[in-house]
Amino acid sequence: MKMLNSKWREAMLGATVIVAFACSPGCGGSGSQGSGSQGSGDPALVGTWVGTVADGSATSPDPTLWTFTVTSTGADVKMGTFAAYNGTYVADPSSNPKSITITITESAIPAYVGQASNGIYKIEGNTLTFAANKPGTTSRPTDFIPTPDGVTLVFTLTKQ
């Protein structure tokens, strides 16, 4: 059972990086997009978001809370009290669905450092929904449905 939980945690951490996103007001228009040193994109993402994740399996642990603290340069992502990721990003709020690519700068999983993770998101009121692919996966999700293999996870978060 510990091995299963450990593997699940690694899979969950792998996909979480895509939520390391955001941009504070004013950074989207004149920032250095794609430089890897700063966020770029949607000011609506800035803040603290808390919620859960669905991974598409019938046996995934629940209800671990995830916290995403988003700034103008990236995000700090925690699974419960465990520090999962930090990263930089480029978000495109004009795409349909809105898209984001995160580059992991720090991770509890060393192999993910420097890897990119692609995702999509939507904001409805105070609810943020993200679909995230595992770091190193070159494709981007096209919908908000988690995959049973753990490649795509879906997070439902509420702004605090």
N, C-alpha and C. Protein backbone atom coordinates (compact mmCIF):
# COMPACT_ATOMS: atom_id res chain seq x y z
N MET A 1 0.81 -1.19 0.00
CA MET A 1 0.00 0.00 0.00
C MET A 1 0.86 1.27 0.00
N LYS A 2 1.97 1.26 0.74
CA LYS A 2 2.84 2.43 0.74
C LYS A 2 3.41 2.69 -0.63
N MET A 3 3.75 1.63 -1.38
CA MET A 3 4.29 1.81 -2.71
C MET A 3 3.24 2.45 -3.61
N LEU A 4 1.99 2.01 -3.54
CA LEU A 4 0.93 2.58 -4.34
C LEU A 4 0.76 4.06 -4.00
N ASN A 5 0.73 4.39 -2.71
CA ASN A 5 0.60 5.78 -2.32
C ASN A 5 1.78 6.61 -2.80
N SER A 6 2.98 6.05 -2.73
CA SER A 6 4.17 6.74 -3.20
C SER A 6 4.09 6.98 -4.70
N LYS A 7 3.66 5.97 -5.46
CA LYS A 7 3.53 6.13 -6.91
C LYS A 7 2.45 7.13 -7.24
N TRP A 8 1.35 7.10 -6.49
CA TRP A 8 0.28 8.05 -6.73
C TRP A 8 0.78 9.47 -6.46
N ARG A 9 1.51 9.65 -5.36
CA ARG A 9 2.04 10.97 -5.01
C ARG A 9 2.95 11.48 -6.12
N GLU A 10 3.83 10.62 -6.66
CA GLU A 10 4.72 11.05 -7.73
C GLU A 10 3.93 11.45 -8.96
N ALA A 11 2.91 10.66 -9.32
CA ALA A 11 2.08 11.00 -10.48
C ALA A 11 1.37 12.33 -10.26
N MET A 12 0.85 12.53 -9.06
CA MET A 12 0.14 13.77 -8.76
C MET A 12 1.10 14.96 -8.80
N LEU A 13 2.28 14.80 -8.25
CA LEU A 13 3.25 15.88 -8.26
C LEU A 13 3.67 16.19 -9.68
N GLY A 14 3.79 15.18 -10.50
CA GLY A 14 4.19 15.38 -11.88
C GLY A 14 3.26 16.29 -12.64
N ALA A 15 1.99 16.11 -12.45
CA ALA A 15 1.03 16.91 -13.18
C ALA A 15 0.78 18.27 -12.54
N THR A 16 1.05 18.42 -11.30
CA THR A 16 0.73 19.66 -10.61
C THR A 16 1.47 20.84 -11.14
N VAL A 17 2.58 20.64 -11.72
CA VAL A 17 3.40 21.76 -12.10
C VAL A 17 2.68 22.70 -13.05
N ILE A 18 1.74 22.24 -13.82
CA ILE A 18 1.11 23.14 -14.75
C ILE A 18 0.34 24.24 -14.08
N VAL A 19 0.02 24.04 -12.86
CA VAL A 19 -0.70 25.10 -12.19
C VAL A 19 0.21 26.16 -11.63
N ALA A 20 1.48 26.03 -11.82
CA ALA A 20 2.40 27.07 -11.39
C ALA A 20 2.35 28.16 -12.44
N PHE A 21 1.36 29.00 -12.39
CA PHE A 21 1.01 29.92 -13.45
C PHE A 21 0.70 31.29 -12.89
N ALA A 22 0.53 32.26 -13.75
CA ALA A 22 -0.11 33.51 -13.46
C ALA A 22 0.66 34.73 -13.87
N CYS A 23 0.01 35.85 -13.68
CA CYS A 23 0.60 37.13 -14.01
C CYS A 23 -0.10 38.19 -13.18
N SER A 24 0.66 39.08 -12.58
CA SER A 24 0.01 40.16 -11.84
C SER A 24 -0.43 41.23 -12.81
N PRO A 25 -1.33 42.12 -12.42
CA PRO A 25 -1.80 43.16 -13.31
C PRO A 25 -0.64 43.94 -13.92
N GLY A 26 -0.68 44.10 -15.23
CA GLY A 26 0.34 44.88 -15.92
C GLY A 26 1.49 44.07 -16.48
N CYS A 27 1.63 42.80 -16.15
CA CYS A 27 2.81 42.08 -16.64
C CYS A 27 2.58 41.43 -17.99
N GLY A 28 1.36 41.25 -18.44
CA GLY A 28 1.10 40.52 -19.67
C GLY A 28 1.50 41.26 -20.92
N GLY A 29 1.36 42.58 -20.94
CA GLY A 29 1.58 43.30 -22.18
C GLY A 29 3.02 43.60 -22.49
N SER A 30 3.84 43.89 -21.51
CA SER A 30 5.18 44.34 -21.82
C SER A 30 6.27 43.47 -21.21
N GLY A 31 5.91 42.38 -20.57
CA GLY A 31 6.91 41.49 -19.96
C GLY A 31 7.68 40.74 -21.02
N SER A 32 8.75 40.08 -20.63
CA SER A 32 9.54 39.29 -21.56
C SER A 32 8.97 37.88 -21.63
N GLN A 33 8.06 37.67 -22.56
CA GLN A 33 7.40 36.38 -22.66
C GLN A 33 8.37 35.32 -23.14
N GLY A 34 8.24 34.14 -22.54
CA GLY A 34 9.05 33.02 -22.95
C GLY A 34 10.48 33.07 -22.45
N SER A 35 10.82 34.03 -21.61
CA SER A 35 12.20 34.14 -21.17
C SER A 35 12.56 33.09 -20.13
N GLY A 36 11.54 32.49 -19.51
CA GLY A 36 11.81 31.50 -18.48
C GLY A 36 12.08 32.11 -17.12
N SER A 37 12.15 33.44 -17.05
CA SER A 37 12.44 34.07 -15.78
C SER A 37 11.23 34.75 -15.17
N GLN A 38 10.12 34.81 -15.89
CA GLN A 38 8.98 35.54 -15.40
C GLN A 38 7.70 34.97 -15.98
N GLY A 39 6.60 35.14 -15.24
CA GLY A 39 5.30 34.71 -15.72
C GLY A 39 4.80 35.64 -16.80
N SER A 40 3.84 35.17 -17.57
CA SER A 40 3.27 35.97 -18.62
C SER A 40 1.87 35.48 -18.90
N GLY A 41 0.90 36.35 -18.87
CA GLY A 41 -0.41 35.89 -19.24
C GLY A 41 -1.59 36.54 -18.58
N ASP A 42 -2.33 35.84 -17.76
CA ASP A 42 -3.65 36.20 -17.29
C ASP A 42 -3.64 36.71 -15.85
N PRO A 43 -3.90 38.01 -15.63
CA PRO A 43 -3.90 38.56 -14.28
C PRO A 43 -4.95 37.93 -13.36
N ALA A 44 -5.99 37.34 -13.93
CA ALA A 44 -7.04 36.70 -13.13
C ALA A 44 -6.53 35.50 -12.35
N LEU A 45 -5.37 34.97 -12.70
CA LEU A 45 -4.82 33.79 -12.02
C LEU A 45 -4.08 34.13 -10.73
N VAL A 46 -3.69 35.38 -10.54
CA VAL A 46 -2.89 35.77 -9.38
C VAL A 46 -3.72 35.63 -8.10
N GLY A 47 -3.13 35.00 -7.08
CA GLY A 47 -3.78 34.84 -5.79
C GLY A 47 -3.50 33.47 -5.22
N THR A 48 -4.26 33.11 -4.20
CA THR A 48 -4.14 31.79 -3.58
C THR A 48 -5.38 30.99 -3.91
N TRP A 49 -5.17 29.78 -4.44
CA TRP A 49 -6.25 28.89 -4.85
C TRP A 49 -6.11 27.58 -4.07
N VAL A 50 -7.20 27.06 -3.56
CA VAL A 50 -7.18 25.83 -2.77
C VAL A 50 -8.25 24.89 -3.30
N GLY A 51 -7.90 23.61 -3.44
CA GLY A 51 -8.88 22.64 -3.91
C GLY A 51 -8.34 21.24 -4.00
N THR A 52 -9.01 20.43 -4.81
CA THR A 52 -8.67 19.02 -4.94
C THR A 52 -8.36 18.68 -6.39
N VAL A 53 -7.95 17.43 -6.59
CA VAL A 53 -7.58 16.96 -7.91
C VAL A 53 -8.32 15.67 -8.21
N ALA A 54 -8.63 15.46 -9.49
CA ALA A 54 -9.17 14.19 -9.97
C ALA A 54 -8.16 13.62 -10.95
N ASP A 55 -7.82 12.34 -10.78
CA ASP A 55 -6.82 11.75 -11.67
C ASP A 55 -7.41 10.69 -12.59
N GLY A 56 -8.71 10.52 -12.59
CA GLY A 56 -9.35 9.58 -13.50
C GLY A 56 -9.42 8.16 -13.01
N SER A 57 -8.83 7.85 -11.85
CA SER A 57 -8.89 6.49 -11.34
C SER A 57 -9.96 6.39 -10.25
N ALA A 58 -10.47 5.21 -10.07
CA ALA A 58 -11.50 5.00 -9.05
C ALA A 58 -10.90 4.86 -7.66
N THR A 59 -9.57 4.72 -7.57
CA THR A 59 -8.94 4.44 -6.27
C THR A 59 -8.02 5.56 -5.78
N SER A 60 -8.03 6.72 -6.43
CA SER A 60 -7.11 7.77 -6.01
C SER A 60 -7.46 8.27 -4.61
N PRO A 61 -6.42 8.58 -3.82
CA PRO A 61 -6.66 9.09 -2.48
C PRO A 61 -7.45 10.40 -2.52
N ASP A 62 -8.23 10.63 -1.49
CA ASP A 62 -9.04 11.83 -1.44
C ASP A 62 -9.26 12.15 0.03
N PRO A 63 -9.37 13.29 0.51
CA PRO A 63 -9.46 14.57 -0.19
C PRO A 63 -8.25 15.46 0.08
N THR A 64 -7.07 15.11 -0.31
CA THR A 64 -5.90 15.95 -0.10
C THR A 64 -6.15 17.33 -0.70
N LEU A 65 -5.91 18.35 0.09
CA LEU A 65 -6.06 19.71 -0.43
C LEU A 65 -4.76 20.18 -1.06
N TRP A 66 -4.89 20.83 -2.19
CA TRP A 66 -3.78 21.42 -2.90
C TRP A 66 -3.88 22.93 -2.73
N THR A 67 -2.75 23.59 -2.58
CA THR A 67 -2.72 25.05 -2.49
C THR A 67 -1.76 25.58 -3.54
N PHE A 68 -2.24 26.50 -4.36
CA PHE A 68 -1.44 27.16 -5.38
C PHE A 68 -1.38 28.63 -5.04
N THR A 69 -0.20 29.12 -4.71
CA THR A 69 0.00 30.53 -4.42
C THR A 69 0.67 31.12 -5.65
N VAL A 70 -0.09 31.92 -6.38
CA VAL A 70 0.34 32.42 -7.68
C VAL A 70 0.77 33.88 -7.57
N THR A 71 1.92 34.17 -8.13
CA THR A 71 2.45 35.53 -8.16
C THR A 71 2.68 35.96 -9.60
N SER A 72 3.28 37.11 -9.78
CA SER A 72 3.56 37.59 -11.13
C SER A 72 4.70 36.84 -11.80
N THR A 73 5.46 36.06 -11.03
CA THR A 73 6.60 35.35 -11.62
C THR A 73 6.47 33.84 -11.61
N GLY A 74 5.40 33.31 -11.05
CA GLY A 74 5.24 31.86 -11.02
C GLY A 74 4.30 31.44 -9.92
N ALA A 75 4.52 30.26 -9.38
CA ALA A 75 3.64 29.76 -8.34
C ALA A 75 4.37 28.80 -7.42
N ASP A 76 3.87 28.75 -6.20
CA ASP A 76 4.32 27.81 -5.19
C ASP A 76 3.17 26.81 -5.04
N VAL A 77 3.44 25.53 -5.27
CA VAL A 77 2.39 24.51 -5.27
C VAL A 77 2.64 23.54 -4.12
N LYS A 78 1.60 23.33 -3.30
CA LYS A 78 1.72 22.41 -2.17
C LYS A 78 0.61 21.37 -2.24
N MET A 79 0.95 20.14 -1.89
CA MET A 79 -0.01 19.05 -1.74
C MET A 79 -0.12 18.81 -0.24
N GLY A 80 -1.21 19.27 0.37
CA GLY A 80 -1.28 19.27 1.83
C GLY A 80 -0.23 20.23 2.34
N THR A 81 0.69 19.75 3.18
CA THR A 81 1.79 20.59 3.66
C THR A 81 3.10 20.30 2.92
N PHE A 82 3.05 19.39 1.97
CA PHE A 82 4.23 18.98 1.20
C PHE A 82 4.49 19.98 0.07
N ALA A 83 5.67 20.57 0.02
CA ALA A 83 6.05 21.48 -1.06
C ALA A 83 6.31 20.68 -2.32
N ALA A 84 5.45 20.84 -3.31
CA ALA A 84 5.52 20.03 -4.52
C ALA A 84 6.38 20.66 -5.61
N TYR A 85 6.08 21.90 -6.00
CA TYR A 85 6.74 22.54 -7.14
C TYR A 85 6.83 24.02 -7.00
N ASN A 86 7.78 24.56 -7.76
CA ASN A 86 7.85 25.98 -8.10
C ASN A 86 8.15 26.02 -9.59
N GLY A 87 7.64 27.03 -10.27
CA GLY A 87 7.93 27.11 -11.69
C GLY A 87 7.63 28.46 -12.28
N THR A 88 8.09 28.65 -13.50
CA THR A 88 7.77 29.83 -14.30
C THR A 88 6.82 29.38 -15.40
N TYR A 89 6.16 30.33 -16.06
CA TYR A 89 5.11 29.95 -16.99
C TYR A 89 4.89 30.98 -18.09
N VAL A 90 4.16 30.54 -19.09
CA VAL A 90 3.58 31.43 -20.10
C VAL A 90 2.14 30.98 -20.26
N ALA A 91 1.19 31.90 -20.03
CA ALA A 91 -0.24 31.60 -20.16
C ALA A 91 -0.81 32.39 -21.33
N ASP A 92 -1.78 31.81 -22.01
CA ASP A 92 -2.46 32.49 -23.12
C ASP A 92 -3.96 32.50 -22.85
N PRO A 93 -4.48 33.57 -22.23
CA PRO A 93 -5.89 33.64 -21.92
C PRO A 93 -6.77 33.89 -23.13
N SER A 94 -6.17 34.18 -24.29
CA SER A 94 -6.97 34.41 -25.50
C SER A 94 -7.23 33.13 -26.28
N SER A 95 -6.53 32.04 -25.97
CA SER A 95 -6.76 30.78 -26.68
C SER A 95 -8.04 30.12 -26.15
N ASN A 96 -8.58 29.19 -26.91
CA ASN A 96 -9.80 28.49 -26.51
C ASN A 96 -9.60 26.99 -26.63
N PRO A 97 -9.46 26.27 -25.50
CA PRO A 97 -9.48 26.78 -24.13
C PRO A 97 -8.20 27.55 -23.81
N LYS A 98 -8.23 28.31 -22.72
CA LYS A 98 -7.06 29.07 -22.28
C LYS A 98 -5.93 28.07 -22.03
N SER A 99 -4.70 28.45 -22.42
CA SER A 99 -3.58 27.51 -22.30
C SER A 99 -2.47 28.06 -21.43
N ILE A 100 -1.64 27.14 -20.96
CA ILE A 100 -0.51 27.50 -20.12
C ILE A 100 0.60 26.46 -20.30
N THR A 101 1.84 26.93 -20.28
CA THR A 101 3.00 26.04 -20.28
C THR A 101 3.88 26.46 -19.12
N ILE A 102 4.22 25.48 -18.29
CA ILE A 102 5.01 25.74 -17.10
C ILE A 102 6.37 25.07 -17.25
N THR A 103 7.40 25.77 -16.82
CA THR A 103 8.73 25.17 -16.72
C THR A 103 9.07 25.04 -15.24
N ILE A 104 9.36 23.83 -14.81
CA ILE A 104 9.63 23.55 -13.40
C ILE A 104 11.04 24.02 -13.06
N THR A 105 11.13 24.85 -12.03
CA THR A 105 12.44 25.32 -11.58
C THR A 105 12.91 24.62 -10.30
N GLU A 106 11.94 24.15 -9.48
CA GLU A 106 12.25 23.40 -8.27
C GLU A 106 11.19 22.32 -8.11
N SER A 107 11.61 21.12 -7.67
CA SER A 107 10.66 20.04 -7.49
C SER A 107 11.20 19.01 -6.52
N ALA A 108 10.27 18.34 -5.84
CA ALA A 108 10.63 17.22 -4.98
C ALA A 108 11.05 16.02 -5.83
N ILE A 109 10.75 16.06 -7.13
CA ILE A 109 11.15 15.01 -8.06
C ILE A 109 12.22 15.61 -8.97
N PRO A 110 13.49 15.35 -8.71
CA PRO A 110 14.58 15.99 -9.46
C PRO A 110 14.48 15.84 -10.98
N ALA A 111 13.96 14.73 -11.47
CA ALA A 111 13.87 14.52 -12.91
C ALA A 111 12.95 15.53 -13.60
N TYR A 112 12.05 16.16 -12.84
CA TYR A 112 11.11 17.12 -13.42
C TYR A 112 11.69 18.53 -13.55
N VAL A 113 12.78 18.83 -12.84
CA VAL A 113 13.38 20.16 -12.91
C VAL A 113 13.85 20.41 -14.34
N GLY A 114 13.40 21.53 -14.90
CA GLY A 114 13.74 21.89 -16.28
C GLY A 114 12.75 21.37 -17.30
N GLN A 115 11.85 20.49 -16.89
CA GLN A 115 10.83 19.95 -17.80
C GLN A 115 9.67 20.93 -17.93
N ALA A 116 8.99 20.89 -19.08
CA ALA A 116 7.80 21.70 -19.30
C ALA A 116 6.56 20.83 -19.14
N SER A 117 5.50 21.47 -18.66
CA SER A 117 4.21 20.82 -18.54
C SER A 117 3.18 21.71 -19.22
N ASN A 118 2.33 21.10 -20.05
CA ASN A 118 1.32 21.85 -20.79
C ASN A 118 -0.06 21.62 -20.20
N GLY A 119 -0.86 22.68 -20.18
CA GLY A 119 -2.19 22.55 -19.63
C GLY A 119 -3.17 23.54 -20.20
N ILE A 120 -4.42 23.41 -19.74
CA ILE A 120 -5.49 24.33 -20.09
C ILE A 120 -6.21 24.72 -18.80
N TYR A 121 -6.94 25.84 -18.84
CA TYR A 121 -7.66 26.26 -17.65
C TYR A 121 -8.90 27.07 -18.02
N LYS A 122 -9.80 27.18 -17.03
CA LYS A 122 -10.96 28.06 -17.16
C LYS A 122 -11.27 28.61 -15.77
N ILE A 123 -11.78 29.84 -15.74
CA ILE A 123 -12.17 30.48 -14.50
C ILE A 123 -13.65 30.81 -14.61
N GLU A 124 -14.42 30.32 -13.64
CA GLU A 124 -15.85 30.59 -13.58
C GLU A 124 -16.15 31.10 -12.18
N GLY A 125 -16.39 32.42 -12.06
CA GLY A 125 -16.56 33.02 -10.74
C GLY A 125 -15.27 32.90 -9.95
N ASN A 126 -15.33 32.29 -8.77
CA ASN A 126 -14.15 32.07 -7.93
C ASN A 126 -13.59 30.66 -8.08
N THR A 127 -14.01 29.94 -9.13
CA THR A 127 -13.54 28.57 -9.34
C THR A 127 -12.60 28.50 -10.53
N LEU A 128 -11.46 27.90 -10.30
CA LEU A 128 -10.45 27.68 -11.32
C LEU A 128 -10.38 26.19 -11.60
N THR A 129 -10.53 25.81 -12.86
CA THR A 129 -10.41 24.40 -13.26
C THR A 129 -9.22 24.29 -14.20
N PHE A 130 -8.29 23.35 -13.87
CA PHE A 130 -7.09 23.13 -14.67
C PHE A 130 -7.00 21.68 -15.08
N ALA A 131 -6.62 21.46 -16.32
CA ALA A 131 -6.23 20.13 -16.77
C ALA A 131 -4.74 20.23 -17.06
N ALA A 132 -3.95 19.33 -16.49
CA ALA A 132 -2.50 19.40 -16.57
C ALA A 132 -1.92 18.09 -17.04
N ASN A 133 -0.95 18.16 -17.95
CA ASN A 133 -0.22 16.97 -18.35
C ASN A 133 1.06 16.83 -17.55
N LYS A 134 1.48 15.60 -17.36
CA LYS A 134 2.71 15.26 -16.64
C LYS A 134 3.90 15.99 -17.30
N PRO A 135 4.83 16.51 -16.50
CA PRO A 135 6.01 17.17 -17.06
C PRO A 135 6.75 16.27 -18.05
N GLY A 136 7.18 16.87 -19.14
CA GLY A 136 7.88 16.14 -20.18
C GLY A 136 6.96 15.61 -21.27
N THR A 137 5.65 15.65 -21.04
CA THR A 137 4.68 15.25 -22.05
C THR A 137 4.51 16.42 -23.01
N THR A 138 4.73 16.21 -24.30
CA THR A 138 4.71 17.32 -25.24
C THR A 138 3.31 17.77 -25.63
N SER A 139 2.32 16.92 -25.46
CA SER A 139 0.95 17.30 -25.83
C SER A 139 0.31 18.15 -24.74
N ARG A 140 -0.81 18.77 -25.10
CA ARG A 140 -1.59 19.58 -24.18
C ARG A 140 -2.99 18.98 -24.10
N PRO A 141 -3.61 18.93 -22.91
CA PRO A 141 -4.99 18.42 -22.84
C PRO A 141 -5.90 19.26 -23.73
N THR A 142 -6.97 18.64 -24.22
CA THR A 142 -7.94 19.37 -25.04
C THR A 142 -9.28 19.54 -24.32
N ASP A 143 -9.43 18.85 -23.17
CA ASP A 143 -10.65 18.97 -22.39
C ASP A 143 -10.32 18.82 -20.91
N PHE A 144 -11.32 18.94 -20.06
CA PHE A 144 -11.12 18.90 -18.61
C PHE A 144 -11.52 17.54 -18.05
N ILE A 145 -11.00 16.49 -18.68
CA ILE A 145 -11.29 15.12 -18.26
C ILE A 145 -9.96 14.45 -17.90
N PRO A 146 -9.81 13.95 -16.66
CA PRO A 146 -8.57 13.28 -16.28
C PRO A 146 -8.43 11.94 -16.98
N THR A 147 -7.20 11.51 -17.21
CA THR A 147 -6.96 10.22 -17.85
C THR A 147 -6.62 9.17 -16.80
N PRO A 148 -7.09 7.93 -17.00
CA PRO A 148 -6.82 6.84 -16.03
C PRO A 148 -5.32 6.55 -15.86
N ASP A 149 -4.50 6.87 -16.87
CA ASP A 149 -3.07 6.58 -16.78
C ASP A 149 -2.30 7.64 -15.99
N GLY A 150 -2.98 8.69 -15.53
CA GLY A 150 -2.33 9.71 -14.72
C GLY A 150 -1.56 10.75 -15.51
N VAL A 151 -1.60 10.70 -16.85
CA VAL A 151 -0.90 11.70 -17.65
C VAL A 151 -1.60 13.05 -17.52
N THR A 152 -2.93 13.06 -17.52
CA THR A 152 -3.69 14.30 -17.37
C THR A 152 -4.47 14.27 -16.06
N LEU A 153 -4.26 15.28 -15.23
CA LEU A 153 -5.01 15.45 -13.99
C LEU A 153 -5.85 16.72 -14.11
N VAL A 154 -6.96 16.76 -13.38
CA VAL A 154 -7.82 17.93 -13.39
C VAL A 154 -7.97 18.44 -11.96
N PHE A 155 -7.66 19.72 -11.77
CA PHE A 155 -7.75 20.38 -10.47
C PHE A 155 -8.95 21.31 -10.45
N THR A 156 -9.69 21.28 -9.34
CA THR A 156 -10.78 22.22 -9.12
C THR A 156 -10.41 23.02 -7.87
N LEU A 157 -10.21 24.32 -8.05
CA LEU A 157 -9.67 25.17 -6.99
C LEU A 157 -10.58 26.38 -6.76
N THR A 158 -10.61 26.86 -5.53
CA THR A 158 -11.40 28.03 -5.18
C THR A 158 -10.45 29.14 -4.73
N LYS A 159 -10.69 30.35 -5.22
CA LYS A 159 -9.85 31.48 -4.83
C LYS A 159 -10.13 31.84 -3.38
N GLN A 160 -9.07 32.06 -2.61
CA GLN A 160 -9.18 32.38 -1.19
C GLN A 160 -9.17 33.88 -0.98
